[in-house]
Structures are given as structure tokens and as C-alpha cells.
Amino acid sequence: DALDVDADVDGSLRFLPRNAAGAVVMSLVLSYVPTPRQRGEMVRRAREVLMDDGRGVLLIVTPHSTDKGHCAHKALPVLKEWRASIESMGFERVRYERMRSVHCLAFRTVGEGPGTKKAGEAPPMRIAFDGPDWETKS
């Protein structure tokens, strides 16, 4: 088939080929991934399947609670940290928009692959609800 995807007999997807997808959309998903390291790994894997040299696009929609928790007036620098982490994996932010209840971020690929980041080496991406011990979570 067109994408040459590898699926099990029951149709469940095992993997996508590298450098094959034009876009990955993570809508209201990253803030529900349990740990900062798993969030980073999810973005690193997205970069692996996206086309290189600006032909791949990563779109992220995340709720305002990602950076504010229960205190709207005490925003953490989470989105600034996310930008640095995501850009370290072969992306460049091209647009940010704050909507009524969500943040919308658009990144395009830069160069080839996720840079020097190998499986398990993605930078952590914390959210407001991770708490003070977020660095010790795997």
C-alpha cells in the first residue's frame, strides 16, 4: 500500500516508516501522557516519521491547564520549555496561537530526523500538574 505500514493480522499498527508522513497532529493528547519523559519521547517519535527539511509539520493543541494548573494567575514557563525541547529534536516553531481554552502550536521539521536524540533520550516535557518531583518520574 501507499505508506508501506506494518500492521498485525488484526489490523493494529506496529510502526510507520521513517520520513514518510507530512503531518502529525497531537490534539489534547500530550497533557494526558503520564510523565514528562514519555511526552518528550512521543514528540521524538513523531519527528522520526515526519518528512525532513521543512516538509513535515507537527501540530499541537493543548489545554491552558498545561501551564497553569489550578492557579490561572501563576503560569509556569512550560510552553517556553516545550518549545526548547521540541526544537532540540529537529523542529522549528512557525506559529503559536492562544485560543479561548487551548494553546495551538505549529512546528515544521528542520534538517534530517530527530537530530542526535535516540530512543529514550528525548528531553522531558513537563506540565503544571507534574508536581515538584517531576524530574524523578520515568
N, C-alpha and C. Protein backbone atom coordinates (compact mmCIF):
# COMPACT_ATOMS: atom_id res chain seq x y z
N ASP A 1 0.82 -1.20 0.00
CA ASP A 1 0.00 0.00 0.00
C ASP A 1 0.86 1.25 0.00
N ALA A 2 0.25 2.41 -0.09
CA ALA A 2 0.97 3.67 -0.32
C ALA A 2 1.98 4.01 0.76
N LEU A 3 1.65 3.79 2.02
CA LEU A 3 2.56 4.16 3.09
C LEU A 3 3.50 3.04 3.50
N ASP A 4 3.27 1.85 3.05
CA ASP A 4 4.08 0.71 3.43
C ASP A 4 4.14 0.56 4.95
N VAL A 5 2.96 0.61 5.58
CA VAL A 5 2.89 0.46 7.03
C VAL A 5 2.92 -1.01 7.39
N ASP A 6 3.40 -1.29 8.57
CA ASP A 6 3.47 -2.66 9.06
C ASP A 6 2.36 -2.86 10.08
N ALA A 7 1.42 -3.74 9.77
CA ALA A 7 0.30 -3.98 10.67
C ALA A 7 0.19 -5.45 10.99
N ASP A 8 -0.33 -5.74 12.18
CA ASP A 8 -0.59 -7.12 12.58
C ASP A 8 -1.78 -7.66 11.82
N VAL A 9 -2.02 -8.95 11.95
CA VAL A 9 -3.14 -9.61 11.27
C VAL A 9 -4.46 -8.95 11.62
N ASP A 10 -4.61 -8.50 12.88
CA ASP A 10 -5.87 -7.88 13.30
C ASP A 10 -5.98 -6.42 12.84
N GLY A 11 -4.95 -5.94 12.13
CA GLY A 11 -5.00 -4.58 11.59
C GLY A 11 -4.37 -3.53 12.49
N SER A 12 -3.92 -3.90 13.68
CA SER A 12 -3.30 -2.90 14.56
C SER A 12 -1.92 -2.52 14.02
N LEU A 13 -1.64 -1.26 14.08
CA LEU A 13 -0.41 -0.70 13.53
C LEU A 13 0.78 -1.01 14.43
N ARG A 14 1.87 -1.50 13.85
CA ARG A 14 3.09 -1.74 14.62
C ARG A 14 4.06 -0.58 14.49
N PHE A 15 4.24 -0.03 13.31
CA PHE A 15 5.11 1.13 13.14
C PHE A 15 4.85 1.78 11.79
N LEU A 16 5.29 3.02 11.68
CA LEU A 16 5.26 3.76 10.42
C LEU A 16 6.70 3.92 9.95
N PRO A 17 6.93 3.94 8.65
CA PRO A 17 8.30 4.13 8.16
C PRO A 17 8.80 5.54 8.46
N ARG A 18 10.09 5.66 8.63
CA ARG A 18 10.70 6.97 8.86
C ARG A 18 10.56 7.86 7.64
N ASN A 19 10.46 9.17 7.92
CA ASN A 19 10.48 10.17 6.86
C ASN A 19 9.35 9.98 5.86
N ALA A 20 8.18 9.55 6.32
CA ALA A 20 7.09 9.24 5.39
C ALA A 20 5.84 10.11 5.57
N ALA A 21 5.65 10.71 6.72
CA ALA A 21 4.41 11.45 6.99
C ALA A 21 4.60 12.95 6.75
N GLY A 22 3.57 13.57 6.23
CA GLY A 22 3.60 15.01 6.01
C GLY A 22 3.19 15.79 7.24
N ALA A 23 2.36 15.18 8.10
CA ALA A 23 1.88 15.88 9.29
C ALA A 23 1.58 14.90 10.42
N VAL A 24 1.80 15.37 11.63
CA VAL A 24 1.38 14.66 12.83
C VAL A 24 0.60 15.68 13.66
N VAL A 25 -0.59 15.28 14.11
CA VAL A 25 -1.44 16.15 14.93
C VAL A 25 -1.57 15.53 16.31
N MET A 26 -1.22 16.29 17.33
CA MET A 26 -1.39 15.87 18.72
C MET A 26 -2.37 16.83 19.36
N SER A 27 -3.63 16.50 19.27
CA SER A 27 -4.67 17.37 19.78
C SER A 27 -5.16 16.86 21.13
N LEU A 28 -4.92 17.66 22.16
CA LEU A 28 -5.35 17.35 23.53
C LEU A 28 -4.83 15.99 23.99
N VAL A 29 -3.59 15.67 23.62
CA VAL A 29 -3.04 14.37 24.00
C VAL A 29 -1.82 14.49 24.90
N LEU A 30 -0.90 15.41 24.64
CA LEU A 30 0.35 15.47 25.40
C LEU A 30 0.12 15.70 26.90
N SER A 31 -0.86 16.49 27.25
CA SER A 31 -1.10 16.77 28.67
C SER A 31 -1.68 15.56 29.40
N TYR A 32 -2.07 14.52 28.67
CA TYR A 32 -2.60 13.31 29.30
C TYR A 32 -1.59 12.17 29.31
N VAL A 33 -0.45 12.35 28.70
CA VAL A 33 0.62 11.35 28.75
C VAL A 33 1.21 11.46 30.17
N PRO A 34 1.38 10.32 30.87
CA PRO A 34 1.66 10.34 32.30
C PRO A 34 2.93 11.04 32.79
N THR A 35 4.03 10.98 32.05
CA THR A 35 5.27 11.56 32.58
C THR A 35 5.93 12.49 31.57
N PRO A 36 6.74 13.42 32.06
CA PRO A 36 7.46 14.34 31.17
C PRO A 36 8.34 13.61 30.15
N ARG A 37 9.00 12.54 30.56
CA ARG A 37 9.87 11.80 29.64
C ARG A 37 9.06 11.11 28.54
N GLN A 38 7.89 10.58 28.88
CA GLN A 38 7.05 9.94 27.87
C GLN A 38 6.52 10.98 26.88
N ARG A 39 6.22 12.18 27.34
CA ARG A 39 5.78 13.25 26.43
C ARG A 39 6.89 13.58 25.45
N GLY A 40 8.11 13.74 25.95
CA GLY A 40 9.24 14.03 25.07
C GLY A 40 9.47 12.92 24.07
N GLU A 41 9.36 11.68 24.52
CA GLU A 41 9.56 10.53 23.62
C GLU A 41 8.48 10.50 22.54
N MET A 42 7.27 10.89 22.88
CA MET A 42 6.19 10.91 21.89
C MET A 42 6.51 11.89 20.76
N VAL A 43 7.02 13.05 21.12
CA VAL A 43 7.38 14.05 20.12
C VAL A 43 8.59 13.57 19.31
N ARG A 44 9.57 12.94 19.96
CA ARG A 44 10.73 12.42 19.24
C ARG A 44 10.31 11.39 18.20
N ARG A 45 9.39 10.52 18.57
CA ARG A 45 8.91 9.51 17.62
C ARG A 45 8.14 10.14 16.47
N ALA A 46 7.40 11.20 16.77
CA ALA A 46 6.69 11.91 15.69
C ALA A 46 7.71 12.46 14.69
N ARG A 47 8.82 12.99 15.20
CA ARG A 47 9.84 13.55 14.30
C ARG A 47 10.44 12.47 13.41
N GLU A 48 10.57 11.26 13.93
CA GLU A 48 11.13 10.17 13.13
C GLU A 48 10.29 9.86 11.90
N VAL A 49 8.97 9.93 12.02
CA VAL A 49 8.12 9.57 10.89
C VAL A 49 7.83 10.75 9.96
N LEU A 50 8.09 11.98 10.43
CA LEU A 50 7.83 13.14 9.59
C LEU A 50 8.91 13.34 8.53
N MET A 51 8.49 13.86 7.41
CA MET A 51 9.43 14.16 6.33
C MET A 51 10.41 15.25 6.76
N ASP A 52 11.61 15.20 6.21
CA ASP A 52 12.69 16.11 6.58
C ASP A 52 12.60 17.45 5.86
N ASP A 53 13.48 18.37 6.29
CA ASP A 53 13.74 19.64 5.61
C ASP A 53 12.50 20.50 5.38
N GLY A 54 11.68 20.68 6.41
CA GLY A 54 10.52 21.57 6.31
C GLY A 54 9.31 20.99 5.62
N ARG A 55 9.39 19.73 5.20
CA ARG A 55 8.24 19.11 4.53
C ARG A 55 7.31 18.42 5.52
N GLY A 56 7.70 18.35 6.79
CA GLY A 56 6.86 17.74 7.82
C GLY A 56 6.36 18.79 8.80
N VAL A 57 5.13 18.61 9.27
CA VAL A 57 4.51 19.57 10.17
C VAL A 57 4.00 18.85 11.41
N LEU A 58 4.29 19.41 12.57
CA LEU A 58 3.77 18.92 13.85
C LEU A 58 2.83 19.97 14.39
N LEU A 59 1.58 19.58 14.62
CA LEU A 59 0.57 20.48 15.18
C LEU A 59 0.21 19.98 16.57
N ILE A 60 0.28 20.88 17.55
CA ILE A 60 -0.03 20.52 18.94
C ILE A 60 -1.12 21.45 19.45
N VAL A 61 -2.15 20.85 20.00
CA VAL A 61 -3.22 21.59 20.68
C VAL A 61 -3.23 21.08 22.11
N THR A 62 -3.08 21.99 23.06
CA THR A 62 -3.02 21.58 24.46
C THR A 62 -3.82 22.56 25.31
N PRO A 63 -4.48 22.08 26.36
CA PRO A 63 -5.32 22.97 27.17
C PRO A 63 -4.49 23.97 27.97
N HIS A 64 -5.12 25.05 28.38
CA HIS A 64 -4.44 26.05 29.19
C HIS A 64 -3.93 25.46 30.50
N SER A 65 -4.55 24.41 30.98
CA SER A 65 -4.11 23.79 32.24
C SER A 65 -2.70 23.21 32.12
N THR A 66 -2.21 23.04 30.89
CA THR A 66 -0.84 22.53 30.69
C THR A 66 0.17 23.39 31.43
N ASP A 67 -0.01 24.70 31.39
CA ASP A 67 0.97 25.58 32.03
C ASP A 67 0.46 26.31 33.26
N LYS A 68 -0.82 26.14 33.61
CA LYS A 68 -1.37 26.90 34.73
C LYS A 68 -1.87 26.06 35.90
N GLY A 69 -2.12 24.82 35.71
CA GLY A 69 -2.64 24.02 36.82
C GLY A 69 -3.93 24.61 37.34
N HIS A 70 -4.06 24.67 38.65
CA HIS A 70 -5.28 25.21 39.26
C HIS A 70 -5.22 26.71 39.49
N CYS A 71 -4.08 27.33 39.26
CA CYS A 71 -3.92 28.75 39.53
C CYS A 71 -3.67 29.51 38.23
N ALA A 72 -4.71 30.05 37.66
CA ALA A 72 -4.61 30.72 36.36
C ALA A 72 -3.62 31.89 36.39
N HIS A 73 -3.45 32.53 37.53
CA HIS A 73 -2.56 33.69 37.61
C HIS A 73 -1.10 33.30 37.86
N LYS A 74 -0.83 32.02 38.04
CA LYS A 74 0.54 31.55 38.30
C LYS A 74 1.03 30.65 37.16
N ALA A 75 1.06 31.19 35.98
CA ALA A 75 1.50 30.39 34.83
C ALA A 75 2.98 30.02 34.96
N LEU A 76 3.29 28.78 34.66
CA LEU A 76 4.67 28.30 34.67
C LEU A 76 5.26 28.47 33.27
N PRO A 77 6.58 28.46 33.14
CA PRO A 77 7.20 28.64 31.81
C PRO A 77 7.18 27.35 30.98
N VAL A 78 6.13 26.58 31.11
CA VAL A 78 6.05 25.27 30.47
C VAL A 78 6.12 25.36 28.95
N LEU A 79 5.36 26.24 28.35
CA LEU A 79 5.35 26.31 26.88
C LEU A 79 6.70 26.78 26.33
N LYS A 80 7.40 27.62 27.06
CA LYS A 80 8.75 28.04 26.66
C LYS A 80 9.69 26.83 26.72
N GLU A 81 9.55 26.02 27.78
CA GLU A 81 10.34 24.80 27.91
C GLU A 81 10.00 23.81 26.79
N TRP A 82 8.70 23.67 26.50
CA TRP A 82 8.28 22.77 25.42
C TRP A 82 8.92 23.19 24.11
N ARG A 83 8.90 24.48 23.84
CA ARG A 83 9.47 24.97 22.57
C ARG A 83 10.94 24.56 22.47
N ALA A 84 11.71 24.79 23.53
CA ALA A 84 13.13 24.44 23.52
C ALA A 84 13.32 22.94 23.33
N SER A 85 12.52 22.14 24.03
CA SER A 85 12.63 20.69 23.91
C SER A 85 12.29 20.22 22.50
N ILE A 86 11.19 20.72 21.97
CA ILE A 86 10.73 20.30 20.64
C ILE A 86 11.73 20.74 19.58
N GLU A 87 12.22 21.96 19.69
CA GLU A 87 13.19 22.44 18.70
C GLU A 87 14.51 21.68 18.78
N SER A 88 14.85 21.12 19.94
CA SER A 88 16.08 20.34 20.05
C SER A 88 15.98 18.99 19.34
N MET A 89 14.76 18.64 18.92
CA MET A 89 14.54 17.36 18.25
C MET A 89 14.30 17.52 16.75
N GLY A 90 14.75 18.62 16.18
CA GLY A 90 14.66 18.80 14.73
C GLY A 90 13.41 19.51 14.25
N PHE A 91 12.93 20.46 15.05
CA PHE A 91 11.76 21.25 14.66
C PHE A 91 12.07 22.73 14.80
N GLU A 92 11.24 23.53 14.15
CA GLU A 92 11.27 24.98 14.28
C GLU A 92 9.82 25.44 14.43
N ARG A 93 9.56 26.25 15.46
CA ARG A 93 8.18 26.73 15.64
C ARG A 93 7.87 27.77 14.57
N VAL A 94 6.73 27.60 13.93
CA VAL A 94 6.33 28.55 12.90
C VAL A 94 5.10 29.37 13.29
N ARG A 95 4.36 28.88 14.30
CA ARG A 95 3.18 29.64 14.72
C ARG A 95 2.74 29.21 16.11
N TYR A 96 2.26 30.20 16.86
CA TYR A 96 1.64 29.94 18.16
C TYR A 96 0.39 30.80 18.24
N GLU A 97 -0.68 30.22 18.71
CA GLU A 97 -1.90 30.98 18.89
C GLU A 97 -2.58 30.55 20.18
N ARG A 98 -2.94 31.53 20.99
CA ARG A 98 -3.67 31.26 22.23
C ARG A 98 -5.14 31.44 21.92
N MET A 99 -5.87 30.35 22.06
CA MET A 99 -7.31 30.40 21.80
C MET A 99 -8.03 30.48 23.15
N ARG A 100 -9.35 30.43 23.12
CA ARG A 100 -10.13 30.60 24.34
C ARG A 100 -9.75 29.61 25.44
N SER A 101 -9.59 28.34 25.12
CA SER A 101 -9.29 27.36 26.16
C SER A 101 -8.09 26.46 25.83
N VAL A 102 -7.41 26.75 24.72
CA VAL A 102 -6.26 25.91 24.33
C VAL A 102 -5.13 26.77 23.75
N HIS A 103 -3.94 26.19 23.79
CA HIS A 103 -2.78 26.73 23.10
C HIS A 103 -2.64 25.93 21.81
N CYS A 104 -2.36 26.59 20.69
CA CYS A 104 -2.15 25.91 19.41
C CYS A 104 -0.72 26.23 18.95
N LEU A 105 0.05 25.18 18.70
CA LEU A 105 1.44 25.35 18.29
C LEU A 105 1.67 24.60 16.98
N ALA A 106 2.40 25.23 16.08
CA ALA A 106 2.74 24.60 14.80
C ALA A 106 4.26 24.64 14.64
N PHE A 107 4.83 23.48 14.32
CA PHE A 107 6.26 23.34 14.10
C PHE A 107 6.48 22.70 12.73
N ARG A 108 7.59 23.03 12.09
CA ARG A 108 7.98 22.34 10.87
C ARG A 108 9.32 21.67 11.11
N THR A 109 9.59 20.65 10.34
CA THR A 109 10.84 19.92 10.51
C THR A 109 12.01 20.75 9.99
N VAL A 110 13.15 20.53 10.60
CA VAL A 110 14.39 21.20 10.21
C VAL A 110 15.45 20.11 10.08
N GLY A 111 16.17 20.10 8.97
CA GLY A 111 17.22 19.11 8.79
C GLY A 111 16.68 17.70 8.63
N GLU A 112 17.48 16.73 9.05
CA GLU A 112 17.13 15.32 8.89
C GLU A 112 16.91 14.66 10.24
N GLY A 113 15.78 14.02 10.41
CA GLY A 113 15.50 13.24 11.61
C GLY A 113 15.51 14.03 12.89
N PRO A 114 15.39 13.32 14.03
CA PRO A 114 15.31 13.99 15.33
C PRO A 114 16.67 14.42 15.88
N GLY A 115 17.57 14.80 15.02
CA GLY A 115 18.88 15.25 15.47
C GLY A 115 19.65 14.13 16.14
N THR A 116 20.28 14.44 17.25
CA THR A 116 21.10 13.45 17.95
C THR A 116 20.28 12.66 18.97
N LYS A 117 19.00 12.92 19.06
CA LYS A 117 18.16 12.26 20.06
C LYS A 117 17.80 10.84 19.62
N LYS A 118 18.27 9.88 20.40
CA LYS A 118 17.94 8.47 20.14
C LYS A 118 16.80 8.06 21.05
N ALA A 119 16.24 6.88 20.83
CA ALA A 119 15.16 6.38 21.68
C ALA A 119 15.56 6.47 23.15
N GLY A 120 14.68 7.03 23.96
CA GLY A 120 14.93 7.16 25.38
C GLY A 120 15.73 8.40 25.77
N GLU A 121 16.18 9.19 24.78
CA GLU A 121 16.99 10.38 25.07
C GLU A 121 16.25 11.69 24.84
N ALA A 122 14.96 11.62 24.59
CA ALA A 122 14.19 12.84 24.34
C ALA A 122 14.15 13.69 25.61
N PRO A 123 14.20 15.01 25.47
CA PRO A 123 14.11 15.86 26.66
C PRO A 123 12.73 15.77 27.28
N PRO A 124 12.64 15.86 28.60
CA PRO A 124 11.33 15.80 29.26
C PRO A 124 10.51 17.04 28.95
N MET A 125 9.20 16.88 28.93
CA MET A 125 8.28 17.99 28.69
C MET A 125 7.25 17.99 29.81
N ARG A 126 7.47 18.85 30.81
CA ARG A 126 6.59 18.85 31.97
C ARG A 126 5.32 19.67 31.73
N ILE A 127 4.35 19.44 32.60
CA ILE A 127 3.13 20.24 32.64
C ILE A 127 2.92 20.70 34.07
N ALA A 128 2.00 21.62 34.29
CA ALA A 128 1.77 22.19 35.61
C ALA A 128 1.41 21.13 36.65
N PHE A 129 0.72 20.08 36.25
CA PHE A 129 0.26 19.08 37.20
C PHE A 129 1.30 18.02 37.55
N ASP A 130 2.51 18.10 36.99
CA ASP A 130 3.53 17.10 37.28
C ASP A 130 4.03 17.18 38.72
N GLY A 131 3.94 18.31 39.33
CA GLY A 131 4.37 18.46 40.71
C GLY A 131 5.87 18.65 40.84
N PRO A 132 6.33 18.87 42.08
CA PRO A 132 7.74 19.19 42.30
C PRO A 132 8.70 18.03 42.05
N ASP A 133 8.21 16.81 42.07
CA ASP A 133 9.09 15.65 41.87
C ASP A 133 9.10 15.15 40.43
N TRP A 134 8.72 15.99 39.47
CA TRP A 134 8.57 15.56 38.08
C TRP A 134 9.86 15.01 37.49
N GLU A 135 11.02 15.49 37.94
CA GLU A 135 12.29 15.02 37.37
C GLU A 135 12.61 13.59 37.76
N THR A 136 12.05 13.10 38.83
CA THR A 136 12.33 11.73 39.26
C THR A 136 11.38 10.72 38.64
N LYS A 137 10.34 11.20 37.95
CA LYS A 137 9.40 10.28 37.30
C LYS A 137 10.01 9.78 35.99
N SER A 138 9.78 8.49 35.68
CA SER A 138 10.35 7.98 34.43
C SER A 138 9.41 8.06 33.28
